[in-house]
Amino acid sequence: MRSTLQVENLHRRNFTLAFVGIVLTLLGGATAHAGRATRNVDQAIAWARGQKGTQNWATYTCLKFARTAYGYTSSYDTAKTAADTARRKGILRGGRPTDAPRGAFLFYNWGTAGHVGIRTDGSNLIHAWTTSGARYARIEEVNANLSLSFVGWVAPGDLNTLMP
């Protein structure tokens, strides 16, 4: 049987953990977790838009940019590997990029690494590009001007299945 002091300490610890969780949620998300998003679609897009114009994401970090928007801490080496994994898991959908829901990862063929961006609204996406860092772009512009071919998309609800 537990003593009164043990029970009080247990209640105090549980209250503290609950309070910390509430504070983290109010501040925009919980601590990052490798296999689970800590931001919802609106939060991820807002975070990504906040990075627009920064050079922090230049040089082959499109996947890091996309996964960080949702708060994931680990990922695959390249967007191509992530797209291949999504295909194997049965969560990569084809069609057109404009078929994808808001917040979906849009995958493209590009060199050996591939490319990924996040669908925002209308015919737009936000992505990290090698020469311009994080940028907002029209999907048609990405397809035509950057010489990318569309591979498929992964819905926001399937991202936890995709991430390691």
Protein backbone atom coordinates (compact mmCIF):
# COMPACT_ATOMS: atom_id res chain seq x y z
CA MET A 1 0.00 0.00 0.00
CA ARG A 2 1.28 3.46 -0.87
CA SER A 3 1.87 6.06 1.78
CA THR A 4 0.11 9.41 1.71
CA LEU A 5 3.39 11.08 0.70
CA GLN A 6 3.85 8.69 -2.26
CA VAL A 7 0.31 9.36 -3.48
CA GLU A 8 0.80 13.14 -3.16
CA ASN A 9 4.06 12.95 -5.12
CA LEU A 10 2.38 10.86 -7.83
CA HIS A 11 -0.47 13.37 -8.14
CA ARG A 12 2.00 16.29 -8.20
CA ARG A 13 4.04 14.60 -10.98
CA ASN A 14 0.94 13.84 -13.06
CA PHE A 15 -0.27 17.44 -12.66
CA THR A 16 3.12 18.77 -13.72
CA LEU A 17 3.22 16.53 -16.82
CA ALA A 18 -0.31 17.56 -17.80
CA PHE A 19 0.55 21.25 -17.30
CA VAL A 20 3.69 20.97 -19.45
CA GLY A 21 1.69 19.26 -22.20
CA ILE A 22 -0.92 22.03 -22.17
CA VAL A 23 1.74 24.75 -22.32
CA LEU A 24 3.53 23.06 -25.22
CA THR A 25 0.27 22.71 -27.12
CA LEU A 26 -0.57 26.38 -26.57
CA LEU A 27 2.89 27.39 -27.78
CA GLY A 28 2.36 25.71 -31.14
CA GLY A 29 3.06 22.04 -30.72
CA ALA A 30 4.59 19.38 -28.59
CA THR A 31 8.16 18.31 -28.61
CA ALA A 32 9.23 16.71 -31.88
CA HIS A 33 8.82 12.99 -32.33
CA ALA A 34 10.46 11.01 -35.11
CA GLY A 35 7.42 9.07 -36.31
CA ARG A 36 4.54 11.40 -35.48
CA ALA A 37 3.70 14.89 -36.69
CA THR A 38 3.69 17.53 -33.98
CA ARG A 39 2.04 20.17 -36.18
CA ASN A 40 -1.27 19.95 -38.03
CA VAL A 41 -1.72 21.07 -41.66
CA ASP A 42 -2.44 24.72 -40.79
CA GLN A 43 0.53 24.91 -38.41
CA ALA A 44 2.86 23.19 -40.89
CA ILE A 45 1.93 25.56 -43.71
CA ALA A 46 2.22 28.59 -41.42
CA TRP A 47 5.68 27.43 -40.33
CA ALA A 48 6.74 26.84 -43.95
CA ARG A 49 5.47 30.26 -45.02
CA GLY A 50 7.49 31.78 -42.19
CA GLN A 51 10.62 30.30 -43.77
CA LYS A 52 9.90 31.86 -47.19
CA GLY A 53 12.89 33.67 -48.60
CA THR A 54 15.37 32.21 -46.14
CA GLN A 55 18.46 30.47 -47.45
CA ASN A 56 18.48 28.02 -44.53
CA TRP A 57 16.92 25.42 -46.79
CA ALA A 58 19.09 25.68 -49.91
CA THR A 59 21.23 22.74 -51.11
CA TYR A 60 19.28 19.48 -51.20
CA THR A 61 17.17 19.93 -48.10
CA CYS A 62 13.69 19.96 -49.63
CA LEU A 63 12.69 16.84 -47.68
CA LYS A 64 14.15 18.21 -44.46
CA PHE A 65 12.16 21.41 -45.02
CA ALA A 66 8.90 19.51 -45.67
CA ARG A 67 9.27 17.12 -42.75
CA THR A 68 10.37 19.90 -40.36
CA ALA A 69 7.23 21.85 -41.27
CA TYR A 70 5.23 19.04 -39.66
CA GLY A 71 7.69 18.64 -36.78
CA TYR A 72 9.22 15.30 -37.73
CA THR A 73 12.78 14.84 -36.49
CA SER A 74 13.96 12.10 -38.81
CA SER A 75 13.42 11.23 -42.40
CA TYR A 76 14.97 9.60 -45.43
CA ASP A 77 18.15 10.68 -47.18
CA THR A 78 16.34 11.96 -50.26
CA ALA A 79 12.87 12.84 -51.49
CA LYS A 80 13.21 10.02 -54.03
CA THR A 81 13.75 7.48 -51.24
CA ALA A 82 10.72 8.85 -49.38
CA ALA A 83 8.57 8.63 -52.54
CA ASP A 84 9.77 5.07 -53.21
CA THR A 85 8.94 4.13 -49.61
CA ALA A 86 5.49 5.72 -49.92
CA ARG A 87 4.90 3.70 -53.09
CA ARG A 88 5.92 0.45 -51.33
CA LYS A 89 3.62 1.27 -48.41
CA GLY A 90 0.73 1.97 -50.79
CA ILE A 91 0.25 5.60 -49.75
CA LEU A 92 1.71 7.36 -52.81
CA ARG A 93 -1.16 8.57 -54.95
CA GLY A 94 -0.88 9.51 -58.62
CA GLY A 95 -2.90 11.89 -60.74
CA ARG A 96 -2.07 15.57 -60.86
CA PRO A 97 -0.49 17.70 -58.12
CA THR A 98 -3.68 19.77 -58.00
CA ASP A 99 -5.58 16.60 -56.99
CA ALA A 100 -3.66 16.51 -53.71
CA PRO A 101 -5.27 17.94 -50.57
CA ARG A 102 -3.88 20.96 -48.76
CA GLY A 103 -0.81 19.96 -46.74
CA ALA A 104 0.09 16.93 -48.88
CA PHE A 105 3.68 16.17 -49.82
CA LEU A 106 4.08 16.55 -53.60
CA PHE A 107 6.92 14.38 -54.96
CA TYR A 108 8.83 15.03 -58.20
CA ASN A 109 11.60 13.37 -60.19
CA TRP A 110 14.71 15.52 -60.21
CA GLY A 111 18.21 14.11 -60.66
CA THR A 112 19.06 11.29 -58.29
CA ALA A 113 17.58 12.94 -55.19
CA GLY A 114 14.05 13.78 -56.30
CA HIS A 115 12.16 16.77 -54.93
CA VAL A 116 9.26 17.40 -52.55
CA GLY A 117 7.08 20.37 -51.65
CA ILE A 118 3.96 20.96 -49.58
CA ARG A 119 0.64 21.72 -51.29
CA THR A 120 -0.80 24.92 -49.87
CA ASP A 121 -3.88 26.32 -51.56
CA GLY A 122 -5.26 26.66 -55.06
CA SER A 123 -2.49 25.70 -57.48
CA ASN A 124 0.35 26.54 -55.11
CA LEU A 125 3.03 24.82 -53.10
CA ILE A 126 5.85 25.84 -50.81
CA HIS A 127 9.20 24.13 -51.13
CA ALA A 128 12.93 24.52 -50.63
CA TRP A 129 14.95 24.89 -53.81
CA THR A 130 18.71 24.67 -54.22
CA THR A 131 19.26 28.23 -55.44
CA SER A 132 16.48 30.18 -53.75
CA GLY A 133 15.88 28.48 -50.41
CA ALA A 134 12.30 28.32 -49.18
CA ARG A 135 9.83 29.69 -51.71
CA TYR A 136 6.16 29.80 -52.56
CA ALA A 137 5.37 28.82 -56.16
CA ARG A 138 2.61 27.90 -58.56
CA ILE A 139 2.56 24.17 -59.31
CA GLU A 140 2.63 24.84 -63.06
CA GLU A 141 5.78 26.92 -62.61
CA VAL A 142 7.50 24.10 -60.75
CA ASN A 143 6.59 21.60 -63.45
CA ALA A 144 7.64 23.84 -66.36
CA ASN A 145 10.45 26.10 -65.15
CA LEU A 146 12.31 23.66 -62.94
CA SER A 147 12.06 20.71 -65.35
CA LEU A 148 10.50 18.43 -62.77
CA SER A 149 8.13 15.60 -63.52
CA PHE A 150 5.41 14.82 -61.00
CA VAL A 151 5.64 11.43 -59.26
CA GLY A 152 2.73 11.51 -56.83
CA TRP A 153 1.49 12.80 -53.50
CA VAL A 154 1.08 11.61 -49.93
CA ALA A 155 -1.89 12.90 -47.96
CA PRO A 156 -1.25 14.63 -44.62
CA GLY A 157 -3.08 11.81 -42.84
CA ASP A 158 -0.58 9.30 -44.24
CA LEU A 159 2.59 11.17 -43.29
CA ASN A 160 2.91 9.34 -39.96
CA THR A 161 2.91 6.08 -41.93
CA LEU A 162 5.62 7.42 -44.23
CA MET A 163 8.06 8.84 -41.70
CA PRO A 164 10.48 6.46 -39.97
